[in-house]
Amino acid sequence: MKKSAPAQSARMVEAIYGCKWSLTVYQLLSTGIVRPGEMVRSVEGLTTKVLNDCLRRNIEFGILERISYPELPPRVEYRVTPFGDKFMRVLDGLEVLQEEIDQAS
């Protein structure tokens, strides 16, 4: 029986891995940097527009959640969802696989 790729999850991995900033955003979140302005200031070359596109894509997939606080000035933070934690484990698995490929070469 021929096995086909899981369409939705494959598209998600391609979109996230294809965005060069997604992994950087995950690293920032893991270090406690959760506000967009702080993310842009922390990474050379990252622009607000590109960050917003990256965050929006991750929210659409359910990997991140956006938290808005009713304050003046407005405050927005991002957090990894429980599904996002599972997705990060998949990415960790891909990294381990790449290391094995590199060692075999």
PDB file of N, CA and C in Angstrom:
ATOM      1  N   MET A   1       0.830  -1.178   0.000  1.00  0.00           N
ATOM      2  CA  MET A   1       0.000   0.000   0.000  1.00  0.00           C
ATOM      3  C   MET A   1       0.881   1.250   0.000  1.00  0.00           C
ATOM      4  N   LYS A   2       0.613   2.150  -0.925  1.00  0.00           N
ATOM      5  CA  LYS A   2       1.402   3.361  -1.048  1.00  0.00           C
ATOM      6  C   LYS A   2       0.989   4.374   0.017  1.00  0.00           C
ATOM      7  N   LYS A   3       1.983   4.960   0.669  1.00  0.00           N
ATOM      8  CA  LYS A   3       1.731   5.922   1.741  1.00  0.00           C
ATOM      9  C   LYS A   3       1.922   7.333   1.190  1.00  0.00           C
ATOM     10  N   SER A   4       0.975   8.207   1.498  1.00  0.00           N
ATOM     11  CA  SER A   4       1.110   9.589   1.041  1.00  0.00           C
ATOM     12  C   SER A   4       1.430  10.489   2.231  1.00  0.00           C
ATOM     13  N   ALA A   5       2.041  11.615   1.932  1.00  0.00           N
ATOM     14  CA  ALA A   5       2.417  12.564   2.979  1.00  0.00           C
ATOM     15  C   ALA A   5       1.168  13.186   3.588  1.00  0.00           C
ATOM     16  N   PRO A   6       1.161  13.420   4.894  1.00  0.00           N
ATOM     17  CA  PRO A   6       0.032  14.088   5.533  1.00  0.00           C
ATOM     18  C   PRO A   6       0.002  15.540   5.070  1.00  0.00           C
ATOM     19  N   ALA A   7      -0.991  15.894   4.291  1.00  0.00           N
ATOM     20  CA  ALA A   7      -1.021  17.175   3.596  1.00  0.00           C
ATOM     21  C   ALA A   7      -0.907  18.387   4.526  1.00  0.00           C
ATOM     22  N   GLN A   8      -1.733  18.453   5.546  1.00  0.00           N
ATOM     23  CA  GLN A   8      -1.749  19.648   6.386  1.00  0.00           C
ATOM     24  C   GLN A   8      -0.464  19.786   7.210  1.00  0.00           C
ATOM     25  N   SER A   9      -0.020  18.715   7.839  1.00  0.00           N
ATOM     26  CA  SER A   9       1.183  18.816   8.658  1.00  0.00           C
ATOM     27  C   SER A   9       2.424  19.037   7.798  1.00  0.00           C
ATOM     28  N   ALA A  10       2.467  18.439   6.619  1.00  0.00           N
ATOM     29  CA  ALA A  10       3.599  18.662   5.720  1.00  0.00           C
ATOM     30  C   ALA A  10       3.647  20.118   5.273  1.00  0.00           C
ATOM     31  N   ARG A  11       2.479  20.690   4.964  1.00  0.00           N
ATOM     32  CA  ARG A  11       2.426  22.100   4.571  1.00  0.00           C
ATOM     33  C   ARG A  11       2.887  22.994   5.716  1.00  0.00           C
ATOM     34  N   MET A  12       2.497  22.632   6.937  1.00  0.00           N
ATOM     35  CA  MET A  12       2.869  23.421   8.108  1.00  0.00           C
ATOM     36  C   MET A  12       4.387  23.387   8.308  1.00  0.00           C
ATOM     37  N   VAL A  13       4.990  22.214   8.238  1.00  0.00           N
ATOM     38  CA  VAL A  13       6.438  22.106   8.419  1.00  0.00           C
ATOM     39  C   VAL A  13       7.165  22.880   7.323  1.00  0.00           C
ATOM     40  N   GLU A  14       6.706  22.765   6.083  1.00  0.00           N
ATOM     41  CA  GLU A  14       7.336  23.502   4.986  1.00  0.00           C
ATOM     42  C   GLU A  14       7.243  25.004   5.202  1.00  0.00           C
ATOM     43  N   ALA A  15       6.071  25.493   5.598  1.00  0.00           N
ATOM     44  CA  ALA A  15       5.883  26.931   5.794  1.00  0.00           C
ATOM     45  C   ALA A  15       6.731  27.454   6.939  1.00  0.00           C
ATOM     46  N   ILE A  16       6.779  26.722   8.026  1.00  0.00           N
ATOM     47  CA  ILE A  16       7.530  27.173   9.197  1.00  0.00           C
ATOM     48  C   ILE A  16       9.024  27.043   8.967  1.00  0.00           C
ATOM     49  N   TYR A  17       9.464  25.905   8.450  1.00  0.00           N
ATOM     50  CA  TYR A  17      10.889  25.720   8.185  1.00  0.00           C
ATOM     51  C   TYR A  17      11.353  26.617   7.042  1.00  0.00           C
ATOM     52  N   GLY A  18      10.441  26.937   6.123  1.00  0.00           N
ATOM     53  CA  GLY A  18      10.770  27.812   5.003  1.00  0.00           C
ATOM     54  C   GLY A  18      10.940  29.262   5.414  1.00  0.00           C
ATOM     55  N   CYS A  19      10.373  29.651   6.523  1.00  0.00           N
ATOM     56  CA  CYS A  19      10.527  31.007   7.045  1.00  0.00           C
ATOM     57  C   CYS A  19      11.797  31.038   7.880  1.00  0.00           C
ATOM     58  N   LYS A  20      12.776  31.778   7.439  1.00  0.00           N
ATOM     59  CA  LYS A  20      14.060  31.735   8.138  1.00  0.00           C
ATOM     60  C   LYS A  20      14.001  32.326   9.534  1.00  0.00           C
ATOM     61  N   TRP A  21      12.913  33.033   9.863  1.00  0.00           N
ATOM     62  CA  TRP A  21      12.837  33.680  11.174  1.00  0.00           C
ATOM     63  C   TRP A  21      12.051  32.878  12.205  1.00  0.00           C
ATOM     64  N   SER A  22      11.284  31.888  11.806  1.00  0.00           N
ATOM     65  CA  SER A  22      10.465  31.140  12.769  1.00  0.00           C
ATOM     66  C   SER A  22      11.304  30.504  13.875  1.00  0.00           C
ATOM     67  N   LEU A  23      12.385  29.846  13.511  1.00  0.00           N
ATOM     68  CA  LEU A  23      13.208  29.195  14.520  1.00  0.00           C
ATOM     69  C   LEU A  23      13.838  30.225  15.455  1.00  0.00           C
ATOM     70  N   THR A  24      14.195  31.378  14.907  1.00  0.00           N
ATOM     71  CA  THR A  24      14.732  32.463  15.733  1.00  0.00           C
ATOM     72  C   THR A  24      13.685  32.947  16.723  1.00  0.00           C
ATOM     73  N   VAL A  25      12.446  33.087  16.264  1.00  0.00           N
ATOM     74  CA  VAL A  25      11.356  33.511  17.149  1.00  0.00           C
ATOM     75  C   VAL A  25      11.164  32.495  18.266  1.00  0.00           C
ATOM     76  N   TYR A  26      11.220  31.208  17.955  1.00  0.00           N
ATOM     77  CA  TYR A  26      11.076  30.177  18.983  1.00  0.00           C
ATOM     78  C   TYR A  26      12.190  30.289  20.022  1.00  0.00           C
ATOM     79  N   GLN A  27      13.409  30.557  19.557  1.00  0.00           N
ATOM     80  CA  GLN A  27      14.528  30.724  20.486  1.00  0.00           C
ATOM     81  C   GLN A  27      14.302  31.934  21.389  1.00  0.00           C
ATOM     82  N   LEU A  28      13.830  33.038  20.814  1.00  0.00           N
ATOM     83  CA  LEU A  28      13.571  34.242  21.611  1.00  0.00           C
ATOM     84  C   LEU A  28      12.511  33.961  22.674  1.00  0.00           C
ATOM     85  N   LEU A  29      11.445  33.285  22.279  1.00  0.00           N
ATOM     86  CA  LEU A  29      10.381  32.965  23.225  1.00  0.00           C
ATOM     87  C   LEU A  29      10.907  32.075  24.354  1.00  0.00           C
ATOM     88  N   SER A  30      11.781  31.148  24.025  1.00  0.00           N
ATOM     89  CA  SER A  30      12.307  30.244  25.046  1.00  0.00           C
ATOM     90  C   SER A  30      13.223  30.959  26.034  1.00  0.00           C
ATOM     91  N   THR A  31      13.772  32.102  25.622  1.00  0.00           N
ATOM     92  CA  THR A  31      14.635  32.868  26.523  1.00  0.00           C
ATOM     93  C   THR A  31      13.866  33.956  27.267  1.00  0.00           C
ATOM     94  N   GLY A  32      12.546  34.023  27.034  1.00  0.00           N
ATOM     95  CA  GLY A  32      11.734  34.994  27.767  1.00  0.00           C
ATOM     96  C   GLY A  32      11.446  36.281  27.027  1.00  0.00           C
ATOM     97  N   ILE A  33      11.907  36.393  25.801  1.00  0.00           N
ATOM     98  CA  ILE A  33      11.607  37.584  24.989  1.00  0.00           C
ATOM     99  C   ILE A  33      10.283  37.320  24.290  1.00  0.00           C
ATOM    100  N   VAL A  34       9.210  37.975  24.764  1.00  0.00           N
ATOM    101  CA  VAL A  34       7.862  37.659  24.291  1.00  0.00           C
ATOM    102  C   VAL A  34       7.168  38.833  23.604  1.00  0.00           C
ATOM    103  N   ARG A  35       7.788  40.007  23.620  1.00  0.00           N
ATOM    104  CA  ARG A  35       7.158  41.179  23.016  1.00  0.00           C
ATOM    105  C   ARG A  35       7.795  41.472  21.663  1.00  0.00           C
ATOM    106  N   PRO A  36       6.986  41.812  20.661  1.00  0.00           N
ATOM    107  CA  PRO A  36       7.505  41.988  19.301  1.00  0.00           C
ATOM    108  C   PRO A  36       8.604  43.046  19.177  1.00  0.00           C
ATOM    109  N   GLY A  37       8.435  44.181  19.834  1.00  0.00           N
ATOM    110  CA  GLY A  37       9.454  45.220  19.742  1.00  0.00           C
ATOM    111  C   GLY A  37      10.796  44.758  20.270  1.00  0.00           C
ATOM    112  N   GLU A  38      10.754  44.004  21.341  1.00  0.00           N
ATOM    113  CA  GLU A  38      11.977  43.462  21.930  1.00  0.00           C
ATOM    114  C   GLU A  38      12.611  42.423  21.006  1.00  0.00           C
ATOM    115  N   MET A  39      11.764  41.647  20.307  1.00  0.00           N
ATOM    116  CA  MET A  39      12.279  40.661  19.358  1.00  0.00           C
ATOM    117  C   MET A  39      13.038  41.351  18.235  1.00  0.00           C
ATOM    118  N   VAL A  40      12.439  42.409  17.680  1.00  0.00           N
ATOM    119  CA  VAL A  40      13.072  43.131  16.568  1.00  0.00           C
ATOM    120  C   VAL A  40      14.400  43.740  17.017  1.00  0.00           C
ATOM    121  N   ARG A  41      14.430  44.305  18.220  1.00  0.00           N
ATOM    122  CA  ARG A  41      15.664  44.915  18.721  1.00  0.00           C
ATOM    123  C   ARG A  41      16.732  43.871  19.037  1.00  0.00           C
ATOM    124  N   SER A  42      16.340  42.636  19.309  1.00  0.00           N
ATOM    125  CA  SER A  42      17.280  41.591  19.709  1.00  0.00           C
ATOM    126  C   SER A  42      17.976  40.903  18.541  1.00  0.00           C
ATOM    127  N   VAL A  43      17.406  41.012  17.349  1.00  0.00           N
ATOM    128  CA  VAL A  43      17.935  40.255  16.208  1.00  0.00           C
ATOM    129  C   VAL A  43      18.247  41.208  15.055  1.00  0.00           C
ATOM    130  N   GLU A  44      19.507  41.267  14.711  1.00  0.00           N
ATOM    131  CA  GLU A  44      19.921  42.115  13.595  1.00  0.00           C
ATOM    132  C   GLU A  44      19.340  41.583  12.293  1.00  0.00           C
ATOM    133  N   GLY A  45      18.718  42.458  11.501  1.00  0.00           N
ATOM    134  CA  GLY A  45      18.149  42.077  10.216  1.00  0.00           C
ATOM    135  C   GLY A  45      16.676  41.740  10.262  1.00  0.00           C
ATOM    136  N   LEU A  46      16.127  41.546  11.440  1.00  0.00           N
ATOM    137  CA  LEU A  46      14.701  41.238  11.589  1.00  0.00           C
ATOM    138  C   LEU A  46      13.914  42.543  11.595  1.00  0.00           C
ATOM    139  N   THR A  47      12.952  42.659  10.683  1.00  0.00           N
ATOM    140  CA  THR A  47      12.124  43.863  10.603  1.00  0.00           C
ATOM    141  C   THR A  47      10.748  43.587  11.209  1.00  0.00           C
ATOM    142  N   THR A  48      10.060  44.642  11.551  1.00  0.00           N
ATOM    143  CA  THR A  48       8.724  44.517  12.129  1.00  0.00           C
ATOM    144  C   THR A  48       7.777  43.819  11.163  1.00  0.00           C
ATOM    145  N   LYS A  49       7.839  44.175   9.880  1.00  0.00           N
ATOM    146  CA  LYS A  49       6.945  43.578   8.886  1.00  0.00           C
ATOM    147  C   LYS A  49       7.179  42.072   8.772  1.00  0.00           C
ATOM    148  N   VAL A  50       8.430  41.676   8.662  1.00  0.00           N
ATOM    149  CA  VAL A  50       8.764  40.261   8.529  1.00  0.00           C
ATOM    150  C   VAL A  50       8.375  39.507   9.797  1.00  0.00           C
ATOM    151  N   LEU A  51       8.643  40.109  10.962  1.00  0.00           N
ATOM    152  CA  LEU A  51       8.268  39.468  12.221  1.00  0.00           C
ATOM    153  C   LEU A  51       6.757  39.281  12.300  1.00  0.00           C
ATOM    154  N   ASN A  52       5.995  40.307  11.942  1.00  0.00           N
ATOM    155  CA  ASN A  52       4.534  40.200  11.990  1.00  0.00           C
ATOM    156  C   ASN A  52       4.021  39.102  11.071  1.00  0.00           C
ATOM    157  N   ASP A  53       4.596  38.986   9.871  1.00  0.00           N
ATOM    158  CA  ASP A  53       4.204  37.910   8.948  1.00  0.00           C
ATOM    159  C   ASP A  53       4.509  36.540   9.558  1.00  0.00           C
ATOM    160  N   CYS A  54       5.679  36.414  10.163  1.00  0.00           N
ATOM    161  CA  CYS A  54       6.092  35.161  10.787  1.00  0.00           C
ATOM    162  C   CYS A  54       5.170  34.815  11.952  1.00  0.00           C
ATOM    163  N   LEU A  55       4.894  35.784  12.808  1.00  0.00           N
ATOM    164  CA  LEU A  55       4.016  35.553  13.959  1.00  0.00           C
ATOM    165  C   LEU A  55       2.608  35.183  13.503  1.00  0.00           C
ATOM    166  N   ARG A  56       2.103  35.877  12.487  1.00  0.00           N
ATOM    167  CA  ARG A  56       0.761  35.608  11.970  1.00  0.00           C
ATOM    168  C   ARG A  56       0.658  34.168  11.455  1.00  0.00           C
ATOM    169  N   ARG A  57       1.660  33.728  10.720  1.00  0.00           N
ATOM    170  CA  ARG A  57       1.666  32.366  10.171  1.00  0.00           C
ATOM    171  C   ARG A  57       1.681  31.342  11.311  1.00  0.00           C
ATOM    172  N   ASN A  58       2.474  31.590  12.333  1.00  0.00           N
ATOM    173  CA  ASN A  58       2.544  30.672  13.470  1.00  0.00           C
ATOM    174  C   ASN A  58       1.240  30.649  14.263  1.00  0.00           C
ATOM    175  N   ILE A  59       0.562  31.771  14.334  1.00  0.00           N
ATOM    176  CA  ILE A  59      -0.744  31.826  15.000  1.00  0.00           C
ATOM    177  C   ILE A  59      -1.774  31.053  14.192  1.00  0.00           C
ATOM    178  N   GLU A  60      -1.765  31.220  12.874  1.00  0.00           N
ATOM    179  CA  GLU A  60      -2.712  30.508  12.007  1.00  0.00           C
ATOM    180  C   GLU A  60      -2.581  28.995  12.151  1.00  0.00           C
ATOM    181  N   PHE A  61      -1.359  28.515  12.331  1.00  0.00           N
ATOM    182  CA  PHE A  61      -1.139  27.080  12.498  1.00  0.00           C
ATOM    183  C   PHE A  61      -1.406  26.622  13.927  1.00  0.00           C
ATOM    184  N   GLY A  62      -1.604  27.551  14.845  1.00  0.00           N
ATOM    185  CA  GLY A  62      -1.874  27.189  16.235  1.00  0.00           C
ATOM    186  C   GLY A  62      -0.621  26.923  17.049  1.00  0.00           C
ATOM    187  N   ILE A  63       0.530  27.348  16.543  1.00  0.00           N
ATOM    188  CA  ILE A  63       1.795  27.117  17.230  1.00  0.00           C
ATOM    189  C   ILE A  63       2.019  28.182  18.312  1.00  0.00           C
ATOM    190  N   LEU A  64       1.639  29.412  17.994  1.00  0.00           N
ATOM    191  CA  LEU A  64       1.764  30.516  18.943  1.00  0.00           C
ATOM    192  C   LEU A  64       0.400  31.118  19.219  1.00  0.00           C
ATOM    193  N   GLU A  65       0.296  31.791  20.356  1.00  0.00           N
ATOM    194  CA  GLU A  65      -0.910  32.551  20.658  1.00  0.00           C
ATOM    195  C   GLU A  65      -0.509  33.991  20.958  1.00  0.00           C
ATOM    196  N   ARG A  66      -1.393  34.893  20.598  1.00  0.00           N
ATOM    197  CA  ARG A  66      -1.183  36.326  20.811  1.00  0.00           C
ATOM    198  C   ARG A  66      -2.009  36.742  22.017  1.00  0.00           C
ATOM    199  N   ILE A  67      -1.369  37.419  22.955  1.00  0.00           N
ATOM    200  CA  ILE A  67      -2.051  37.879  24.158  1.00  0.00           C
ATOM    201  C   ILE A  67      -2.001  39.401  24.165  1.00  0.00           C
ATOM    202  N   SER A  68      -3.174  40.027  24.134  1.00  0.00           N
ATOM    203  CA  SER A  68      -3.279  41.487  24.169  1.00  0.00           C
ATOM    204  C   SER A  68      -3.751  41.906  25.547  1.00  0.00           C
ATOM    205  N   TYR A  69      -3.074  42.885  26.112  1.00  0.00           N
ATOM    206  CA  TYR A  69      -3.451  43.400  27.420  1.00  0.00           C
ATOM    207  C   TYR A  69      -4.148  44.741  27.248  1.00  0.00           C
ATOM    208  N   PRO A  70      -5.252  44.951  27.950  1.00  0.00           N
ATOM    209  CA  PRO A  70      -6.005  46.212  27.816  1.00  0.00           C
ATOM    210  C   PRO A  70      -5.339  47.333  28.606  1.00  0.00           C
ATOM    211  N   GLU A  71      -4.223  47.802  28.088  1.00  0.00           N
ATOM    212  CA  GLU A  71      -3.451  48.848  28.748  1.00  0.00           C
ATOM    213  C   GLU A  71      -3.153  49.965  27.759  1.00  0.00           C
ATOM    214  N   LEU A  72      -2.770  51.092  28.287  1.00  0.00           N
ATOM    215  CA  LEU A  72      -2.265  52.194  27.467  1.00  0.00           C
ATOM    216  C   LEU A  72      -0.856  52.491  27.932  1.00  0.00           C
ATOM    217  N   PRO A  73       0.124  52.446  27.083  1.00  0.00           N
ATOM    218  CA  PRO A  73       0.059  52.007  25.690  1.00  0.00           C
ATOM    219  C   PRO A  73      -0.231  50.507  25.595  1.00  0.00           C
ATOM    220  N   PRO A  74      -0.779  50.095  24.447  1.00  0.00           N
ATOM    221  CA  PRO A  74      -1.132  48.681  24.278  1.00  0.00           C
ATOM    222  C   PRO A  74       0.090  47.776  24.435  1.00  0.00           C
ATOM    223  N   ARG A  75      -0.122  46.619  25.023  1.00  0.00           N
ATOM    224  CA  ARG A  75       0.949  45.642  25.212  1.00  0.00           C
ATOM    225  C   ARG A  75       0.485  44.316  24.626  1.00  0.00           C
ATOM    226  N   VAL A  76       1.359  43.719  23.817  1.00  0.00           N
ATOM    227  CA  VAL A  76       1.080  42.430  23.178  1.00  0.00           C
ATOM    228  C   VAL A  76       2.249  41.507  23.474  1.00  0.00           C
ATOM    229  N   GLU A  77       1.932  40.262  23.806  1.00  0.00           N
ATOM    230  CA  GLU A  77       2.952  39.245  24.020  1.00  0.00           C
ATOM    231  C   GLU A  77       2.565  37.988  23.258  1.00  0.00           C
ATOM    232  N   TYR A  78       3.547  37.149  23.010  1.00  0.00           N
ATOM    233  CA  TYR A  78       3.316  35.889  22.300  1.00  0.00           C
ATOM    234  C   TYR A  78       3.812  34.737  23.157  1.00  0.00           C
ATOM    235  N   ARG A  79       3.082  33.633  23.086  1.00  0.00           N
ATOM    236  CA  ARG A  79       3.449  32.431  23.838  1.00  0.00           C
ATOM    237  C   ARG A  79       3.247  31.208  22.947  1.00  0.00           C
ATOM    238  N   VAL A  80       3.996  30.168  23.261  1.00  0.00           N
ATOM    239  CA  VAL A  80       3.857  28.894  22.559  1.00  0.00           C
ATOM    240  C   VAL A  80       2.649  28.166  23.141  1.00  0.00           C
ATOM    241  N   THR A  81       1.801  27.639  22.268  1.00  0.00           N
ATOM    242  CA  THR A  81       0.616  26.892  22.690  1.00  0.00           C
ATOM    243  C   THR A  81       1.021  25.453  23.051  1.00  0.00           C
ATOM    244  N   PRO A  82       0.122  24.703  23.689  1.00  0.00           N
ATOM    245  CA  PRO A  82       0.414  23.276  23.930  1.00  0.00           C
ATOM    246  C   PRO A  82       0.681  22.524  22.617  1.00  0.00           C
ATOM    247  N   PHE A  83      -0.081  22.847  21.569  1.00  0.00           N
ATOM    248  CA  PHE A  83       0.185  22.242  20.255  1.00  0.00           C
ATOM    249  C   PHE A  83       1.566  22.666  19.760  1.00  0.00           C
ATOM    250  N   GLY A  84       1.939  23.927  19.997  1.00  0.00           N
ATOM    251  CA  GLY A  84       3.254  24.425  19.603  1.00  0.00           C
ATOM    252  C   GLY A  84       4.385  23.655  20.271  1.00  0.00           C
ATOM    253  N   ASP A  85       4.176  23.281  21.544  1.00  0.00           N
ATOM    254  CA  ASP A  85       5.181  22.459  22.232  1.00  0.00           C
ATOM    255  C   ASP A  85       5.384  21.134  21.504  1.00  0.00           C
ATOM    256  N   LYS A  86       4.285  20.519  21.064  1.00  0.00           N
ATOM    257  CA  LYS A  86       4.375  19.259  20.312  1.00  0.00           C
ATOM    258  C   LYS A  86       5.100  19.480  18.986  1.00  0.00           C
ATOM    259  N   PHE A  87       4.758  20.589  18.325  1.00  0.00           N
ATOM    260  CA  PHE A  87       5.385  20.903  17.042  1.00  0.00           C
ATOM    261  C   PHE A  87       6.885  21.123  17.220  1.00  0.00           C
ATOM    262  N   MET A  88       7.281  21.771  18.288  1.00  0.00           N
ATOM    263  CA  MET A  88       8.710  22.019  18.544  1.00  0.00           C
ATOM    264  C   MET A  88       9.463  20.695  18.714  1.00  0.00           C
ATOM    265  N   ARG A  89       8.791  19.689  19.294  1.00  0.00           N
ATOM    266  CA  ARG A  89       9.428  18.373  19.425  1.00  0.00           C
ATOM    267  C   ARG A  89       9.670  17.754  18.052  1.00  0.00           C
ATOM    268  N   VAL A  90       8.760  17.990  17.107  1.00  0.00           N
ATOM    269  CA  VAL A  90       8.954  17.514  15.730  1.00  0.00           C
ATOM    270  C   VAL A  90      10.178  18.194  15.121  1.00  0.00           C
ATOM    271  N   LEU A  91      10.290  19.508  15.328  1.00  0.00           N
ATOM    272  CA  LEU A  91      11.446  20.237  14.802  1.00  0.00           C
ATOM    273  C   LEU A  91      12.740  19.748  15.449  1.00  0.00           C
ATOM    274  N   ASP A  92      12.683  19.454  16.748  1.00  0.00           N
ATOM    275  CA  ASP A  92      13.856  18.895  17.432  1.00  0.00           C
ATOM    276  C   ASP A  92      14.244  17.564  16.803  1.00  0.00           C
ATOM    277  N   GLY A  93      13.244  16.755  16.462  1.00  0.00           N
ATOM    278  CA  GLY A  93      13.503  15.480  15.798  1.00  0.00           C
ATOM    279  C   GLY A  93      14.152  15.661  14.441  1.00  0.00           C
ATOM    280  N   LEU A  94      13.725  16.672  13.703  1.00  0.00           N
ATOM    281  CA  LEU A  94      14.340  16.966  12.408  1.00  0.00           C
ATOM    282  C   LEU A  94      15.798  17.384  12.584  1.00  0.00           C
ATOM    283  N   GLU A  95      16.069  18.132  13.636  1.00  0.00           N
ATOM    284  CA  GLU A  95      17.440  18.557  13.910  1.00  0.00           C
ATOM    285  C   GLU A  95      18.327  17.347  14.227  1.00  0.00           C
ATOM    286  N   VAL A  96      17.817  16.408  15.037  1.00  0.00           N
ATOM    287  CA  VAL A  96      18.561  15.185  15.360  1.00  0.00           C
ATOM    288  C   VAL A  96      18.810  14.377  14.088  1.00  0.00           C
ATOM    289  N   LEU A  97      17.798  14.272  13.238  1.00  0.00           N
ATOM    290  CA  LEU A  97      17.948  13.551  11.980  1.00  0.00           C
ATOM    291  C   LEU A  97      19.036  14.199  11.119  1.00  0.00           C
ATOM    292  N   GLN A  98      19.053  15.531  11.045  1.00  0.00           N
ATOM    293  CA  GLN A  98      20.065  16.228  10.260  1.00  0.00           C
ATOM    294  C   GLN A  98      21.455  15.967  10.808  1.00  0.00           C
ATOM    295  N   GLU A  99      21.586  15.950  12.131  1.00  0.00           N
ATOM    296  CA  GLU A  99      22.886  15.660  12.750  1.00  0.00           C
ATOM    297  C   GLU A  99      23.358  14.265  12.365  1.00  0.00           C
ATOM    298  N   GLU A 100      22.455  13.296  12.349  1.00  0.00           N
ATOM    299  CA  GLU A 100      22.805  11.928  11.956  1.00  0.00           C
ATOM    300  C   GLU A 100      23.234  11.885  10.490  1.00  0.00           C
ATOM    301  N   ILE A 101      22.534  12.648   9.651  1.00  0.00           N
ATOM    302  CA  ILE A 101      22.893  12.710   8.221  1.00  0.00           C
ATOM    303  C   ILE A 101      24.276  13.328   8.062  1.00  0.00           C
ATOM    304  N   ASP A 102      24.534  14.411   8.813  1.00  0.00           N
ATOM    305  CA  ASP A 102      25.837  15.083   8.727  1.00  0.00           C
ATOM    306  C   ASP A 102      26.972  14.166   9.171  1.00  0.00           C
ATOM    307  N   GLN A 103      26.735  13.384  10.219  1.00  0.00           N
ATOM    308  CA  GLN A 103      27.769  12.479  10.715  1.00  0.00           C
ATOM    309  C   GLN A 103      28.035  11.343   9.738  1.00  0.00           C
ATOM    310  N   ALA A 104      27.007  10.929   9.006  1.00  0.00           N
ATOM    311  CA  ALA A 104      27.169   9.836   8.050  1.00  0.00           C
ATOM    312  C   ALA A 104      27.907  10.288   6.786  1.00  0.00           C
ATOM    313  N   SER A 105      27.907  11.590   6.538  1.00  0.00           N
ATOM    314  CA  SER A 105      28.544  12.112   5.306  1.00  0.00           C
ATOM    315  C   SER A 105      30.038  12.144   5.398  1.00  0.00           C
TER     316      SER A 105
END
